[in-house]
PDB file of all heavy atoms in Angstrom:
ATOM      1  N   LYS A   1      16.888  -8.876   0.007  1.00  0.00           N
ATOM      2  CA  LYS A   1      17.276  -9.726   1.129  1.00  0.00           C
ATOM      3  C   LYS A   1      17.758  -8.907   2.330  1.00  0.00           C
ATOM      4  O   LYS A   1      17.507  -9.262   3.479  1.00  0.00           O
ATOM      5  CB  LYS A   1      18.384 -10.679   0.670  1.00  0.00           C
ATOM      6  CG  LYS A   1      18.758 -11.738   1.669  1.00  0.00           C
ATOM      7  CD  LYS A   1      19.974 -12.536   1.193  1.00  0.00           C
ATOM      8  CE  LYS A   1      19.755 -13.225  -0.126  1.00  0.00           C
ATOM      9  NZ  LYS A   1      20.887 -14.115  -0.497  1.00  0.00           N
ATOM     10  N   TYR A   2      18.432  -7.793   2.056  1.00  0.00           N
ATOM     11  CA  TYR A   2      19.048  -7.023   3.132  1.00  0.00           C
ATOM     12  C   TYR A   2      18.405  -5.651   3.353  1.00  0.00           C
ATOM     13  O   TYR A   2      18.953  -4.822   4.073  1.00  0.00           O
ATOM     14  CB  TYR A   2      20.550  -6.850   2.856  1.00  0.00           C
ATOM     15  CG  TYR A   2      21.273  -8.171   2.845  1.00  0.00           C
ATOM     16  CD1 TYR A   2      21.709  -8.736   1.651  1.00  0.00           C
ATOM     17  CD2 TYR A   2      21.490  -8.871   4.033  1.00  0.00           C
ATOM     18  CE1 TYR A   2      22.355  -9.964   1.638  1.00  0.00           C
ATOM     19  CE2 TYR A   2      22.135 -10.092   4.029  1.00  0.00           C
ATOM     20  CZ  TYR A   2      22.568 -10.634   2.828  1.00  0.00           C
ATOM     21  OH  TYR A   2      23.204 -11.857   2.827  1.00  0.00           O
ATOM     22  N   MET A   3      17.256  -5.426   2.759  1.00  0.00           N
ATOM     23  CA  MET A   3      16.627  -4.115   2.923  1.00  0.00           C
ATOM     24  C   MET A   3      15.964  -3.997   4.298  1.00  0.00           C
ATOM     25  O   MET A   3      15.646  -4.989   4.958  1.00  0.00           O
ATOM     26  CB  MET A   3      15.583  -3.885   1.823  1.00  0.00           C
ATOM     27  CG  MET A   3      14.344  -4.723   1.953  1.00  0.00           C
ATOM     28  SD  MET A   3      13.191  -4.340   0.624  1.00  0.00           S
ATOM     29  CE  MET A   3      11.837  -5.438   1.044  1.00  0.00           C
ATOM     30  N   THR A   4      15.772  -2.770   4.713  1.00  0.00           N
ATOM     31  CA  THR A   4      15.042  -2.475   5.942  1.00  0.00           C
ATOM     32  C   THR A   4      13.640  -2.037   5.560  1.00  0.00           C
ATOM     33  O   THR A   4      13.480  -1.172   4.696  1.00  0.00           O
ATOM     34  CB  THR A   4      15.735  -1.353   6.731  1.00  0.00           C
ATOM     35  OG1 THR A   4      17.073  -1.766   7.023  1.00  0.00           O
ATOM     36  CG2 THR A   4      15.001  -1.065   8.025  1.00  0.00           C
ATOM     37  N   VAL A   5      12.637  -2.630   6.185  1.00  0.00           N
ATOM     38  CA  VAL A   5      11.251  -2.358   5.824  1.00  0.00           C
ATOM     39  C   VAL A   5      10.609  -1.435   6.858  1.00  0.00           C
ATOM     40  O   VAL A   5      10.655  -1.718   8.058  1.00  0.00           O
ATOM     41  CB  VAL A   5      10.438  -3.670   5.731  1.00  0.00           C
ATOM     42  CG1 VAL A   5       8.982  -3.372   5.402  1.00  0.00           C
ATOM     43  CG2 VAL A   5      11.046  -4.596   4.692  1.00  0.00           C
ATOM     44  N   ASP A   6      10.041  -0.342   6.368  1.00  0.00           N
ATOM     45  CA  ASP A   6       9.213   0.527   7.211  1.00  0.00           C
ATOM     46  C   ASP A   6       7.778   0.052   7.002  1.00  0.00           C
ATOM     47  O   ASP A   6       7.118   0.434   6.034  1.00  0.00           O
ATOM     48  CB  ASP A   6       9.383   1.989   6.794  1.00  0.00           C
ATOM     49  CG  ASP A   6       8.560   2.934   7.672  1.00  0.00           C
ATOM     50  OD1 ASP A   6       7.674   2.452   8.409  1.00  0.00           O
ATOM     51  OD2 ASP A   6       8.802   4.149   7.599  1.00  0.00           O
ATOM     52  N   SER A   7       7.308  -0.802   7.896  1.00  0.00           N
ATOM     53  CA  SER A   7       6.001  -1.434   7.717  1.00  0.00           C
ATOM     54  C   SER A   7       4.858  -0.427   7.678  1.00  0.00           C
ATOM     55  O   SER A   7       3.892  -0.614   6.931  1.00  0.00           O
ATOM     56  CB  SER A   7       5.754  -2.454   8.828  1.00  0.00           C
ATOM     57  OG  SER A   7       6.635  -3.549   8.687  1.00  0.00           O
ATOM     58  N   ASN A   8       4.972   0.649   8.464  1.00  0.00           N
ATOM     59  CA  ASN A   8       3.910   1.664   8.460  1.00  0.00           C
ATOM     60  C   ASN A   8       3.797   2.335   7.096  1.00  0.00           C
ATOM     61  O   ASN A   8       2.698   2.496   6.561  1.00  0.00           O
ATOM     62  CB  ASN A   8       4.165   2.718   9.542  1.00  0.00           C
ATOM     63  CG  ASN A   8       4.017   2.153  10.940  1.00  0.00           C
ATOM     64  OD1 ASN A   8       3.212   1.258  11.178  1.00  0.00           O
ATOM     65  ND2 ASN A   8       4.806   2.667  11.867  1.00  0.00           N
ATOM     66  N   ALA A   9       4.937   2.725   6.538  1.00  0.00           N
ATOM     67  CA  ALA A   9       4.936   3.373   5.225  1.00  0.00           C
ATOM     68  C   ALA A   9       4.470   2.399   4.146  1.00  0.00           C
ATOM     69  O   ALA A   9       3.701   2.771   3.248  1.00  0.00           O
ATOM     70  CB  ALA A   9       6.325   3.908   4.898  1.00  0.00           C
ATOM     71  N   LEU A  10       4.937   1.151   4.237  1.00  0.00           N
ATOM     72  CA  LEU A  10       4.537   0.144   3.258  1.00  0.00           C
ATOM     73  C   LEU A  10       3.034  -0.105   3.314  1.00  0.00           C
ATOM     74  O   LEU A  10       2.361  -0.167   2.286  1.00  0.00           O
ATOM     75  CB  LEU A  10       5.300  -1.158   3.491  1.00  0.00           C
ATOM     76  CG  LEU A  10       4.985  -2.315   2.535  1.00  0.00           C
ATOM     77  CD1 LEU A  10       5.300  -1.939   1.088  1.00  0.00           C
ATOM     78  CD2 LEU A  10       5.762  -3.567   2.948  1.00  0.00           C
ATOM     79  N   PHE A  11       2.495  -0.216   4.535  1.00  0.00           N
ATOM     80  CA  PHE A  11       1.062  -0.436   4.693  1.00  0.00           C
ATOM     81  C   PHE A  11       0.260   0.717   4.092  1.00  0.00           C
ATOM     82  O   PHE A  11      -0.716   0.502   3.369  1.00  0.00           O
ATOM     83  CB  PHE A  11       0.709  -0.599   6.173  1.00  0.00           C
ATOM     84  CG  PHE A  11      -0.762  -0.525   6.441  1.00  0.00           C
ATOM     85  CD1 PHE A  11      -1.607  -1.562   6.069  1.00  0.00           C
ATOM     86  CD2 PHE A  11      -1.312   0.594   7.059  1.00  0.00           C
ATOM     87  CE1 PHE A  11      -2.978  -1.486   6.308  1.00  0.00           C
ATOM     88  CE2 PHE A  11      -2.669   0.678   7.308  1.00  0.00           C
ATOM     89  CZ  PHE A  11      -3.501  -0.368   6.930  1.00  0.00           C
ATOM     90  N   CYS A  12       0.685   1.962   4.376  1.00  0.00           N
ATOM     91  CA  CYS A  12      -0.038   3.133   3.837  1.00  0.00           C
ATOM     92  C   CYS A  12       0.004   3.159   2.319  1.00  0.00           C
ATOM     93  O   CYS A  12      -1.003   3.461   1.657  1.00  0.00           O
ATOM     94  CB  CYS A  12       0.555   4.425   4.401  1.00  0.00           C
ATOM     95  SG  CYS A  12       0.229   4.630   6.169  1.00  0.00           S
ATOM     96  N   TYR A  13       1.156   2.804   1.746  1.00  0.00           N
ATOM     97  CA  TYR A  13       1.300   2.768   0.279  1.00  0.00           C
ATOM     98  C   TYR A  13       0.385   1.707  -0.327  1.00  0.00           C
ATOM     99  O   TYR A  13      -0.329   1.964  -1.294  1.00  0.00           O
ATOM    100  CB  TYR A  13       2.761   2.491  -0.070  1.00  0.00           C
ATOM    101  CG  TYR A  13       2.993   2.216  -1.525  1.00  0.00           C
ATOM    102  CD1 TYR A  13       3.001   3.256  -2.454  1.00  0.00           C
ATOM    103  CD2 TYR A  13       3.198   0.917  -1.985  1.00  0.00           C
ATOM    104  CE1 TYR A  13       3.210   3.007  -3.806  1.00  0.00           C
ATOM    105  CE2 TYR A  13       3.408   0.653  -3.326  1.00  0.00           C
ATOM    106  CZ  TYR A  13       3.408   1.707  -4.231  1.00  0.00           C
ATOM    107  OH  TYR A  13       3.602   1.454  -5.567  1.00  0.00           O
ATOM    108  N   ILE A  14       0.412   0.510   0.248  1.00  0.00           N
ATOM    109  CA  ILE A  14      -0.416  -0.592  -0.249  1.00  0.00           C
ATOM    110  C   ILE A  14      -1.896  -0.255  -0.104  1.00  0.00           C
ATOM    111  O   ILE A  14      -2.683  -0.466  -1.034  1.00  0.00           O
ATOM    112  CB  ILE A  14      -0.090  -1.899   0.510  1.00  0.00           C
ATOM    113  CG1 ILE A  14       1.312  -2.377   0.169  1.00  0.00           C
ATOM    114  CG2 ILE A  14      -1.111  -2.995   0.191  1.00  0.00           C
ATOM    115  CD1 ILE A  14       1.845  -3.436   1.113  1.00  0.00           C
ATOM    116  N   LEU A  15      -2.269   0.272   1.058  1.00  0.00           N
ATOM    117  CA  LEU A  15      -3.673   0.606   1.313  1.00  0.00           C
ATOM    118  C   LEU A  15      -4.173   1.631   0.301  1.00  0.00           C
ATOM    119  O   LEU A  15      -5.280   1.500  -0.233  1.00  0.00           O
ATOM    120  CB  LEU A  15      -3.829   1.139   2.734  1.00  0.00           C
ATOM    121  CG  LEU A  15      -5.257   1.473   3.167  1.00  0.00           C
ATOM    122  CD1 LEU A  15      -6.113   0.216   3.224  1.00  0.00           C
ATOM    123  CD2 LEU A  15      -5.255   2.179   4.510  1.00  0.00           C
ATOM    124  N   ARG A  16      -3.360   2.651   0.043  1.00  0.00           N
ATOM    125  CA  ARG A  16      -3.756   3.681  -0.925  1.00  0.00           C
ATOM    126  C   ARG A  16      -3.981   3.073  -2.307  1.00  0.00           C
ATOM    127  O   ARG A  16      -4.988   3.346  -2.967  1.00  0.00           O
ATOM    128  CB  ARG A  16      -2.691   4.775  -0.978  1.00  0.00           C
ATOM    129  CG  ARG A  16      -3.083   5.958  -1.854  1.00  0.00           C
ATOM    130  CD  ARG A  16      -2.099   7.111  -1.715  1.00  0.00           C
ATOM    131  NE  ARG A  16      -0.760   6.753  -2.138  1.00  0.00           N
ATOM    132  CZ  ARG A  16       0.275   6.600  -1.307  1.00  0.00           C
ATOM    133  NH1 ARG A  16       0.121   6.761  -0.011  1.00  0.00           N
ATOM    134  NH2 ARG A  16       1.468   6.292  -1.777  1.00  0.00           N
ATOM    135  N   LYS A  17      -3.051   2.210  -2.735  1.00  0.00           N
ATOM    136  CA  LYS A  17      -3.193   1.581  -4.054  1.00  0.00           C
ATOM    137  C   LYS A  17      -4.446   0.712  -4.132  1.00  0.00           C
ATOM    138  O   LYS A  17      -5.201   0.761  -5.104  1.00  0.00           O
ATOM    139  CB  LYS A  17      -1.959   0.717  -4.356  1.00  0.00           C
ATOM    140  CG  LYS A  17      -0.743   1.491  -4.796  1.00  0.00           C
ATOM    141  CD  LYS A  17       0.374   0.580  -5.224  1.00  0.00           C
ATOM    142  CE  LYS A  17       0.001  -0.158  -6.495  1.00  0.00           C
ATOM    143  NZ  LYS A  17       1.113  -0.985  -7.018  1.00  0.00           N
ATOM    144  N   ARG A  18      -4.668  -0.107  -3.118  1.00  0.00           N
ATOM    145  CA  ARG A  18      -5.819  -1.024  -3.132  1.00  0.00           C
ATOM    146  C   ARG A  18      -7.139  -0.248  -3.072  1.00  0.00           C
ATOM    147  O   ARG A  18      -8.099  -0.601  -3.752  1.00  0.00           O
ATOM    148  CB  ARG A  18      -5.755  -1.997  -1.951  1.00  0.00           C
ATOM    149  CG  ARG A  18      -4.474  -2.818  -1.857  1.00  0.00           C
ATOM    150  CD  ARG A  18      -4.365  -3.839  -2.955  1.00  0.00           C
ATOM    151  NE  ARG A  18      -3.156  -4.625  -2.768  1.00  0.00           N
ATOM    152  CZ  ARG A  18      -2.158  -4.695  -3.640  1.00  0.00           C
ATOM    153  NH1 ARG A  18      -2.215  -4.012  -4.757  1.00  0.00           N
ATOM    154  NH2 ARG A  18      -1.096  -5.453  -3.402  1.00  0.00           N
ATOM    155  N   MET A  19      -7.194   0.806  -2.254  1.00  0.00           N
ATOM    156  CA  MET A  19      -8.434   1.568  -2.128  1.00  0.00           C
ATOM    157  C   MET A  19      -8.765   2.324  -3.414  1.00  0.00           C
ATOM    158  O   MET A  19      -9.924   2.427  -3.799  1.00  0.00           O
ATOM    159  CB  MET A  19      -8.354   2.550  -0.953  1.00  0.00           C
ATOM    160  CG  MET A  19      -8.366   1.885   0.412  1.00  0.00           C
ATOM    161  SD  MET A  19      -9.799   0.814   0.672  1.00  0.00           S
ATOM    162  CE  MET A  19      -9.016  -0.793   0.744  1.00  0.00           C
ATOM    163  N   VAL A  20      -7.733   2.844  -4.084  1.00  0.00           N
ATOM    164  CA  VAL A  20      -7.966   3.538  -5.353  1.00  0.00           C
ATOM    165  C   VAL A  20      -8.579   2.577  -6.366  1.00  0.00           C
ATOM    166  O   VAL A  20      -9.521   2.933  -7.093  1.00  0.00           O
ATOM    167  CB  VAL A  20      -6.648   4.148  -5.895  1.00  0.00           C
ATOM    168  CG1 VAL A  20      -6.782   4.538  -7.361  1.00  0.00           C
ATOM    169  CG2 VAL A  20      -6.249   5.355  -5.064  1.00  0.00           C
ATOM    170  N   ARG A  21      -8.093   1.333  -6.392  1.00  0.00           N
ATOM    171  CA  ARG A  21      -8.635   0.352  -7.337  1.00  0.00           C
ATOM    172  C   ARG A  21     -10.067  -0.032  -6.995  1.00  0.00           C
ATOM    173  O   ARG A  21     -10.920  -0.159  -7.874  1.00  0.00           O
ATOM    174  CB  ARG A  21      -7.741  -0.885  -7.379  1.00  0.00           C
ATOM    175  CG  ARG A  21      -6.414  -0.605  -8.051  1.00  0.00           C
ATOM    176  CD  ARG A  21      -5.489  -1.788  -8.021  1.00  0.00           C
ATOM    177  NE  ARG A  21      -4.195  -1.424  -8.567  1.00  0.00           N
ATOM    178  CZ  ARG A  21      -3.135  -2.206  -8.513  1.00  0.00           C
ATOM    179  NH1 ARG A  21      -3.195  -3.378  -7.919  1.00  0.00           N
ATOM    180  NH2 ARG A  21      -1.991  -1.802  -9.034  1.00  0.00           N
ATOM    181  N   ILE A  22     -10.330  -0.238  -5.701  1.00  0.00           N
ATOM    182  CA  ILE A  22     -11.689  -0.601  -5.291  1.00  0.00           C
ATOM    183  C   ILE A  22     -12.667   0.525  -5.621  1.00  0.00           C
ATOM    184  O   ILE A  22     -13.716   0.300  -6.234  1.00  0.00           O
ATOM    185  CB  ILE A  22     -11.742  -0.927  -3.784  1.00  0.00           C
ATOM    186  CG1 ILE A  22     -11.100  -2.285  -3.516  1.00  0.00           C
ATOM    187  CG2 ILE A  22     -13.184  -0.938  -3.275  1.00  0.00           C
ATOM    188  CD1 ILE A  22     -11.060  -2.669  -2.048  1.00  0.00           C
ATOM    189  N   VAL A  23     -12.315   1.739  -5.209  1.00  0.00           N
ATOM    190  CA  VAL A  23     -13.206   2.878  -5.447  1.00  0.00           C
ATOM    191  C   VAL A  23     -13.351   3.139  -6.949  1.00  0.00           C
ATOM    192  O   VAL A  23     -14.451   3.423  -7.440  1.00  0.00           O
ATOM    193  CB  VAL A  23     -12.687   4.131  -4.714  1.00  0.00           C
ATOM    194  CG1 VAL A  23     -13.486   5.366  -5.104  1.00  0.00           C
ATOM    195  CG2 VAL A  23     -12.758   3.920  -3.205  1.00  0.00           C
ATOM    196  N   GLY A  24     -12.241   3.002  -7.686  1.00  0.00           N
ATOM    197  CA  GLY A  24     -12.295   3.201  -9.133  1.00  0.00           C
ATOM    198  C   GLY A  24     -13.248   2.236  -9.813  1.00  0.00           C
ATOM    199  O   GLY A  24     -14.086   2.636 -10.634  1.00  0.00           O
ATOM    200  N   LEU A  25     -13.143   0.943  -9.473  1.00  0.00           N
ATOM    201  CA  LEU A  25     -14.054  -0.049 -10.055  1.00  0.00           C
ATOM    202  C   LEU A  25     -15.493   0.194  -9.617  1.00  0.00           C
ATOM    203  O   LEU A  25     -16.424   0.047 -10.414  1.00  0.00           O
ATOM    204  CB  LEU A  25     -13.624  -1.462  -9.663  1.00  0.00           C
ATOM    205  CG  LEU A  25     -12.679  -2.185 -10.611  1.00  0.00           C
ATOM    206  CD1 LEU A  25     -12.321  -3.552 -10.053  1.00  0.00           C
ATOM    207  CD2 LEU A  25     -13.265  -2.326 -12.008  1.00  0.00           C
ATOM    208  N   ALA A  26     -15.683   0.561  -8.350  1.00  0.00           N
ATOM    209  CA  ALA A  26     -17.030   0.819  -7.837  1.00  0.00           C
ATOM    210  C   ALA A  26     -17.671   1.981  -8.585  1.00  0.00           C
ATOM    211  O   ALA A  26     -18.839   1.916  -8.973  1.00  0.00           O
ATOM    212  CB  ALA A  26     -16.985   1.093  -6.337  1.00  0.00           C
TER     213      ALA A  26
END
């Protein structure tokens, strides 16, 4: 509830995870 979000870092982390899964399945 009270955390501070670094959206750039969060986006890069999420993107890396999602791309690894897509490329892995492909």
